[in-house]
Every structure is written in C-alpha cells, then in structure tokens.
Amino acid sequence: MSNDEARPEGHQVRWEYLTAPILSHVSQQILNNFGADGWELVQVVPGPNADSLVGYFKREARP
C-alpha cells in the first residue's frame, strides 16, 4: 500500500529534511543507515572536499 492510499482524503503530506556529508569511502554504509531510519535520498551534490559529497534527504514528518 502506498502512502497516498493510507492517507485520509485532502490530507497534505508534511516532510522533514536533512542534509548530511557522505564520505566516498563509506557511502554505502551511510546511505543504508539513513534508509533504515526512513530517510529517502533526494539529491547528492559535491561537498567542500574532493573526497566528500553532500546528501539531501527527506522523510514524512511524524505527527
């Protein structure tokens, strides 16, 4: 069942957002940890250092 099916009609989804550094040598572990906590990866952009990235995440806000 999708989130849309579980939501009452007319209910707008509220999101919370997170930005976090993603180090290239442990990126899979970092992404798996955020995913296990319910975070969905939205975008990855270059970080301030050559070996890092910045991930933008979102998840449905809990009431």
C-alpha atoms as a PDB file:
ATOM      1  CA  MET A   1       0.000   0.000   0.000  1.00  0.00           C
ATOM      2  CA  SER A   2       1.403   3.398  -0.955  1.00  0.00           C
ATOM      3  CA  ASN A   3       1.470   6.374   1.394  1.00  0.00           C
ATOM      4  CA  ASP A   4      -1.281   8.007  -0.681  1.00  0.00           C
ATOM      5  CA  GLU A   5      -3.639   5.085  -0.020  1.00  0.00           C
ATOM      6  CA  ALA A   6      -3.119   5.242   3.749  1.00  0.00           C
ATOM      7  CA  ARG A   7      -3.735   8.994   3.976  1.00  0.00           C
ATOM      8  CA  PRO A   8      -7.202  10.493   4.506  1.00  0.00           C
ATOM      9  CA  GLU A   9      -8.507  12.404   1.511  1.00  0.00           C
ATOM     10  CA  GLY A  10      -7.375  16.026   1.489  1.00  0.00           C
ATOM     11  CA  HIS A  11      -4.501  15.362   3.909  1.00  0.00           C
ATOM     12  CA  GLN A  12      -1.312  17.084   2.812  1.00  0.00           C
ATOM     13  CA  VAL A  13       1.981  15.306   3.434  1.00  0.00           C
ATOM     14  CA  ARG A  14       4.423  17.112   5.721  1.00  0.00           C
ATOM     15  CA  TRP A  15       8.110  16.415   5.123  1.00  0.00           C
ATOM     16  CA  GLU A  16      11.190  16.864   7.229  1.00  0.00           C
ATOM     17  CA  TYR A  17      14.552  17.375   5.565  1.00  0.00           C
ATOM     18  CA  LEU A  18      18.159  16.578   6.378  1.00  0.00           C
ATOM     19  CA  THR A  19      21.500  17.375   4.786  1.00  0.00           C
ATOM     20  CA  ALA A  20      24.489  15.226   5.633  1.00  0.00           C
ATOM     21  CA  PRO A  21      28.045  14.688   4.402  1.00  0.00           C
ATOM     22  CA  ILE A  22      28.616  11.442   2.523  1.00  0.00           C
ATOM     23  CA  LEU A  23      32.220  10.304   2.546  1.00  0.00           C
ATOM     24  CA  SER A  24      33.006   8.367  -0.627  1.00  0.00           C
ATOM     25  CA  HIS A  25      34.816   5.502   1.117  1.00  0.00           C
ATOM     26  CA  VAL A  26      31.802   4.699   3.361  1.00  0.00           C
ATOM     27  CA  SER A  27      28.936   5.987   1.200  1.00  0.00           C
ATOM     28  CA  GLN A  28      27.040   2.682   1.062  1.00  0.00           C
ATOM     29  CA  GLN A  29      27.046   2.319   4.844  1.00  0.00           C
ATOM     30  CA  ILE A  30      25.938   5.933   5.348  1.00  0.00           C
ATOM     31  CA  LEU A  31      23.105   5.644   2.813  1.00  0.00           C
ATOM     32  CA  ASN A  32      21.947   2.311   4.265  1.00  0.00           C
ATOM     33  CA  ASN A  33      21.858   3.791   7.776  1.00  0.00           C
ATOM     34  CA  PHE A  34      19.771   6.778   6.686  1.00  0.00           C
ATOM     35  CA  GLY A  35      17.462   4.494   4.686  1.00  0.00           C
ATOM     36  CA  ALA A  36      16.934   2.250   7.715  1.00  0.00           C
ATOM     37  CA  ASP A  37      15.804   5.346   9.636  1.00  0.00           C
ATOM     38  CA  GLY A  38      13.222   6.168   6.956  1.00  0.00           C
ATOM     39  CA  TRP A  39      15.176   8.837   5.078  1.00  0.00           C
ATOM     40  CA  GLU A  40      14.806   8.965   1.287  1.00  0.00           C
ATOM     41  CA  LEU A  41      17.751  10.275  -0.734  1.00  0.00           C
ATOM     42  CA  VAL A  42      16.657  13.234  -2.862  1.00  0.00           C
ATOM     43  CA  GLN A  43      19.918  14.564  -4.297  1.00  0.00           C
ATOM     44  CA  VAL A  44      23.688  14.295  -3.989  1.00  0.00           C
ATOM     45  CA  VAL A  45      25.957  17.276  -4.711  1.00  0.00           C
ATOM     46  CA  PRO A  46      29.726  17.766  -4.482  1.00  0.00           C
ATOM     47  CA  GLY A  47      30.958  18.576  -0.985  1.00  0.00           C
ATOM     48  CA  PRO A  48      33.580  21.062   0.166  1.00  0.00           C
ATOM     49  CA  ASN A  49      36.348  18.436  -0.081  1.00  0.00           C
ATOM     50  CA  ALA A  50      37.319  16.359  -3.100  1.00  0.00           C
ATOM     51  CA  ASP A  51      36.510  13.081  -1.309  1.00  0.00           C
ATOM     52  CA  SER A  52      33.106  14.083   0.066  1.00  0.00           C
ATOM     53  CA  LEU A  53      29.575  14.587  -1.149  1.00  0.00           C
ATOM     54  CA  VAL A  54      26.543  16.193   0.485  1.00  0.00           C
ATOM     55  CA  GLY A  55      23.292  14.256   0.525  1.00  0.00           C
ATOM     56  CA  TYR A  56      19.855  15.834   0.743  1.00  0.00           C
ATOM     57  CA  PHE A  57      17.284  13.556   2.368  1.00  0.00           C
ATOM     58  CA  LYS A  58      13.575  13.715   3.202  1.00  0.00           C
ATOM     59  CA  ARG A  59      11.061  11.626   5.096  1.00  0.00           C
ATOM     60  CA  GLU A  60       7.431  12.040   6.018  1.00  0.00           C
ATOM     61  CA  ALA A  61       7.165  14.053   9.236  1.00  0.00           C
ATOM     62  CA  ARG A  62       5.845  12.111  12.170  1.00  0.00           C
ATOM     63  CA  PRO A  63       2.806  13.611  13.928  1.00  0.00           C
END
